[in-house]
Structure formats: C-alpha cells, structure tokens
C-alpha cells in the first residue's frame, strides 16, 4: 500500500488540516479498517434522509489499488 495519504497529511498539518477518515467493518464483521472518505453534502437541505458517504478504494494521488 502506498504512503501518499500519510505523506500529504503530514504536509497539511502545518495548515491545521487533515483528511477525513471513515471507519468500516469487513463484510464478516471480523476486521475494522479506516478508509479515506470522499466528502459529500446534501443538495436539498430540507430532505431528511441520511447523507451516504463514499470511501476511496484507489489512492487518489498515485492510483494504486488499496487492500480490502
């Protein structure tokens, strides 16, 4: 697995910024992982349905496929 996210997060720390990570369970509930979350927001704020979240399966910086 690449180190792009941790390297870029180190650089972002000087700007008081970090990536948002989502906790995810494996389908058989045996493994808890942390994945990079892609930000989403509601278009219609009056709609009360929960906002889904999207996690990256490939590194958005170098394109390497992530495990799991």
N, C-alpha and C. Protein backbone atom coordinates (compact mmCIF):
# COMPACT_ATOMS: atom_id res chain seq x y z
N UNK A 1 0.85 -1.19 0.00
CA UNK A 1 0.00 0.00 0.00
C UNK A 1 0.89 1.24 0.00
N UNK A 2 0.52 2.23 -0.76
CA UNK A 2 1.30 3.46 -0.87
C UNK A 2 1.23 4.28 0.42
N UNK A 3 2.10 5.25 0.52
CA UNK A 3 2.16 6.13 1.68
C UNK A 3 1.71 7.55 1.35
N UNK A 4 1.05 7.74 0.20
CA UNK A 4 0.66 9.08 -0.26
C UNK A 4 -0.19 9.82 0.78
N UNK A 5 -1.20 9.18 1.31
CA UNK A 5 -2.12 9.86 2.24
C UNK A 5 -1.37 10.33 3.48
N UNK A 6 -0.54 9.47 4.07
CA UNK A 6 0.19 9.89 5.27
C UNK A 6 1.20 10.98 4.97
N UNK A 7 1.86 10.92 3.81
CA UNK A 7 2.81 11.96 3.44
C UNK A 7 2.12 13.31 3.22
N UNK A 8 1.00 13.30 2.52
CA UNK A 8 0.28 14.55 2.26
C UNK A 8 -0.35 15.08 3.55
N UNK A 9 -0.82 14.18 4.41
CA UNK A 9 -1.39 14.63 5.68
C UNK A 9 -0.33 15.31 6.54
N UNK A 10 0.91 14.84 6.50
CA UNK A 10 1.99 15.49 7.23
C UNK A 10 2.18 16.92 6.72
N UNK A 11 2.11 17.10 5.41
CA UNK A 11 2.26 18.44 4.82
C UNK A 11 1.06 19.33 5.18
N UNK A 12 -0.13 18.75 5.24
CA UNK A 12 -1.33 19.52 5.57
C UNK A 12 -1.35 19.95 7.04
N UNK A 13 -0.65 19.22 7.90
CA UNK A 13 -0.66 19.53 9.33
C UNK A 13 -0.19 20.96 9.61
N UNK A 14 0.74 21.45 8.81
CA UNK A 14 1.22 22.82 9.01
C UNK A 14 0.14 23.85 8.72
N UNK A 15 -0.90 23.45 7.99
CA UNK A 15 -2.03 24.33 7.67
C UNK A 15 -3.23 24.06 8.60
N UNK A 16 -3.00 23.20 9.61
CA UNK A 16 -4.04 22.82 10.56
C UNK A 16 -5.22 22.11 9.86
N UNK A 17 -4.87 21.21 8.93
CA UNK A 17 -5.87 20.48 8.13
C UNK A 17 -5.50 19.01 8.15
N UNK A 18 -6.52 18.15 8.09
CA UNK A 18 -6.28 16.71 7.94
C UNK A 18 -7.40 16.11 7.11
N UNK A 19 -7.15 14.91 6.60
CA UNK A 19 -8.15 14.19 5.83
C UNK A 19 -9.21 13.64 6.77
N UNK A 20 -10.41 13.42 6.24
CA UNK A 20 -11.49 12.78 6.99
C UNK A 20 -11.43 11.29 6.69
N UNK A 21 -11.37 10.48 7.74
CA UNK A 21 -11.33 9.04 7.59
C UNK A 21 -12.64 8.45 8.08
N UNK A 22 -13.08 7.38 7.44
CA UNK A 22 -14.30 6.68 7.84
C UNK A 22 -13.92 5.32 8.38
N UNK A 23 -14.57 4.90 9.45
CA UNK A 23 -14.35 3.56 9.98
C UNK A 23 -15.26 2.61 9.23
N UNK A 24 -14.73 1.46 8.82
CA UNK A 24 -15.51 0.48 8.05
C UNK A 24 -15.23 -0.92 8.58
N UNK A 25 -16.28 -1.73 8.63
CA UNK A 25 -16.15 -3.13 9.05
C UNK A 25 -16.13 -4.00 7.80
N UNK A 26 -15.38 -5.08 7.87
CA UNK A 26 -15.40 -6.05 6.78
C UNK A 26 -16.77 -6.73 6.74
N UNK A 27 -17.16 -7.29 5.60
CA UNK A 27 -18.49 -7.91 5.50
C UNK A 27 -18.77 -8.97 6.57
N UNK A 28 -17.76 -9.70 6.98
CA UNK A 28 -17.99 -10.72 8.02
C UNK A 28 -17.81 -10.18 9.44
N UNK A 29 -17.65 -8.86 9.55
CA UNK A 29 -17.53 -8.16 10.84
C UNK A 29 -16.28 -8.56 11.63
N UNK A 30 -15.25 -9.07 10.94
CA UNK A 30 -14.06 -9.53 11.64
C UNK A 30 -12.94 -8.50 11.69
N UNK A 31 -13.01 -7.48 10.84
CA UNK A 31 -11.91 -6.52 10.75
C UNK A 31 -12.45 -5.10 10.65
N UNK A 32 -11.91 -4.21 11.47
CA UNK A 32 -12.25 -2.80 11.44
C UNK A 32 -11.12 -2.07 10.74
N UNK A 33 -11.44 -1.28 9.72
CA UNK A 33 -10.42 -0.54 8.99
C UNK A 33 -10.79 0.94 8.94
N UNK A 34 -9.80 1.74 8.64
CA UNK A 34 -10.01 3.17 8.47
C UNK A 34 -9.74 3.49 7.02
N UNK A 35 -10.71 4.15 6.35
CA UNK A 35 -10.58 4.46 4.93
C UNK A 35 -10.75 5.95 4.70
N UNK A 36 -10.06 6.43 3.67
CA UNK A 36 -10.18 7.83 3.28
C UNK A 36 -11.59 8.09 2.79
N UNK A 37 -12.23 9.11 3.33
CA UNK A 37 -13.61 9.43 2.96
C UNK A 37 -13.65 10.55 1.94
N UNK A 38 -14.50 10.39 0.93
CA UNK A 38 -14.72 11.44 -0.06
C UNK A 38 -15.90 12.26 0.44
N UNK A 39 -15.72 13.56 0.56
CA UNK A 39 -16.75 14.42 1.14
C UNK A 39 -18.00 14.48 0.25
N UNK A 40 -19.16 14.45 0.90
CA UNK A 40 -20.44 14.63 0.21
C UNK A 40 -21.27 15.62 1.02
N UNK A 41 -22.23 16.25 0.38
CA UNK A 41 -23.15 17.13 1.09
C UNK A 41 -24.51 17.07 0.42
N UNK A 42 -25.54 17.43 1.16
CA UNK A 42 -26.89 17.43 0.63
C UNK A 42 -27.09 18.60 -0.33
N UNK A 43 -27.80 18.33 -1.41
CA UNK A 43 -28.16 19.41 -2.33
C UNK A 43 -29.39 20.12 -1.79
N UNK A 44 -30.40 19.34 -1.40
CA UNK A 44 -31.63 19.88 -0.82
C UNK A 44 -31.57 19.67 0.69
N UNK A 45 -31.27 20.70 1.43
CA UNK A 45 -31.09 20.60 2.89
C UNK A 45 -32.38 20.23 3.62
N UNK A 46 -33.53 20.40 2.97
CA UNK A 46 -34.81 20.08 3.60
C UNK A 46 -35.08 18.57 3.61
N UNK A 47 -34.41 17.84 2.73
CA UNK A 47 -34.56 16.39 2.67
C UNK A 47 -33.90 15.77 3.90
N UNK A 48 -34.66 15.01 4.69
CA UNK A 48 -34.17 14.48 5.96
C UNK A 48 -33.45 13.14 5.85
N UNK A 49 -33.36 12.57 4.66
CA UNK A 49 -32.69 11.28 4.51
C UNK A 49 -31.21 11.43 4.85
N UNK A 50 -30.60 10.38 5.45
CA UNK A 50 -29.17 10.49 5.80
C UNK A 50 -28.30 10.64 4.56
N UNK A 51 -27.17 11.29 4.74
CA UNK A 51 -26.22 11.51 3.66
C UNK A 51 -25.32 10.28 3.56
N UNK A 52 -25.27 9.63 2.39
CA UNK A 52 -24.35 8.49 2.25
C UNK A 52 -22.92 9.00 2.17
N UNK A 53 -21.97 8.12 2.50
CA UNK A 53 -20.58 8.52 2.35
C UNK A 53 -19.89 7.56 1.40
N UNK A 54 -18.85 8.04 0.77
CA UNK A 54 -18.10 7.28 -0.22
C UNK A 54 -16.67 7.16 0.29
N UNK A 55 -16.11 5.95 0.21
CA UNK A 55 -14.72 5.76 0.59
C UNK A 55 -13.90 5.39 -0.64
N UNK A 56 -12.65 5.78 -0.64
CA UNK A 56 -11.77 5.52 -1.78
C UNK A 56 -11.25 4.08 -1.74
N UNK A 57 -11.21 3.42 -2.90
CA UNK A 57 -10.61 2.08 -3.00
C UNK A 57 -9.27 2.13 -3.73
N UNK A 58 -8.99 3.26 -4.36
CA UNK A 58 -7.71 3.51 -5.01
C UNK A 58 -7.15 4.81 -4.44
N UNK A 59 -5.84 4.92 -4.38
CA UNK A 59 -5.21 6.16 -3.92
C UNK A 59 -5.56 7.27 -4.90
N UNK A 60 -6.14 8.39 -4.43
CA UNK A 60 -6.49 9.48 -5.33
C UNK A 60 -5.28 10.25 -5.84
N UNK A 61 -4.10 9.95 -5.31
CA UNK A 61 -2.90 10.68 -5.70
C UNK A 61 -2.00 9.91 -6.66
N UNK A 62 -1.83 8.59 -6.42
CA UNK A 62 -0.95 7.81 -7.32
C UNK A 62 -1.71 6.72 -8.07
N UNK A 63 -2.94 6.43 -7.68
CA UNK A 63 -3.77 5.45 -8.39
C UNK A 63 -3.60 4.01 -7.96
N UNK A 64 -2.74 3.74 -6.96
CA UNK A 64 -2.55 2.37 -6.51
C UNK A 64 -3.81 1.83 -5.84
N UNK A 65 -4.16 0.57 -6.13
CA UNK A 65 -5.33 -0.05 -5.51
C UNK A 65 -5.02 -0.36 -4.05
N UNK A 66 -5.97 -0.03 -3.17
CA UNK A 66 -5.81 -0.30 -1.75
C UNK A 66 -6.38 -1.66 -1.41
N UNK A 67 -5.80 -2.32 -0.43
CA UNK A 67 -6.27 -3.62 0.05
C UNK A 67 -7.64 -3.50 0.68
N UNK A 68 -8.40 -4.57 0.64
CA UNK A 68 -9.69 -4.62 1.34
C UNK A 68 -10.79 -3.99 0.58
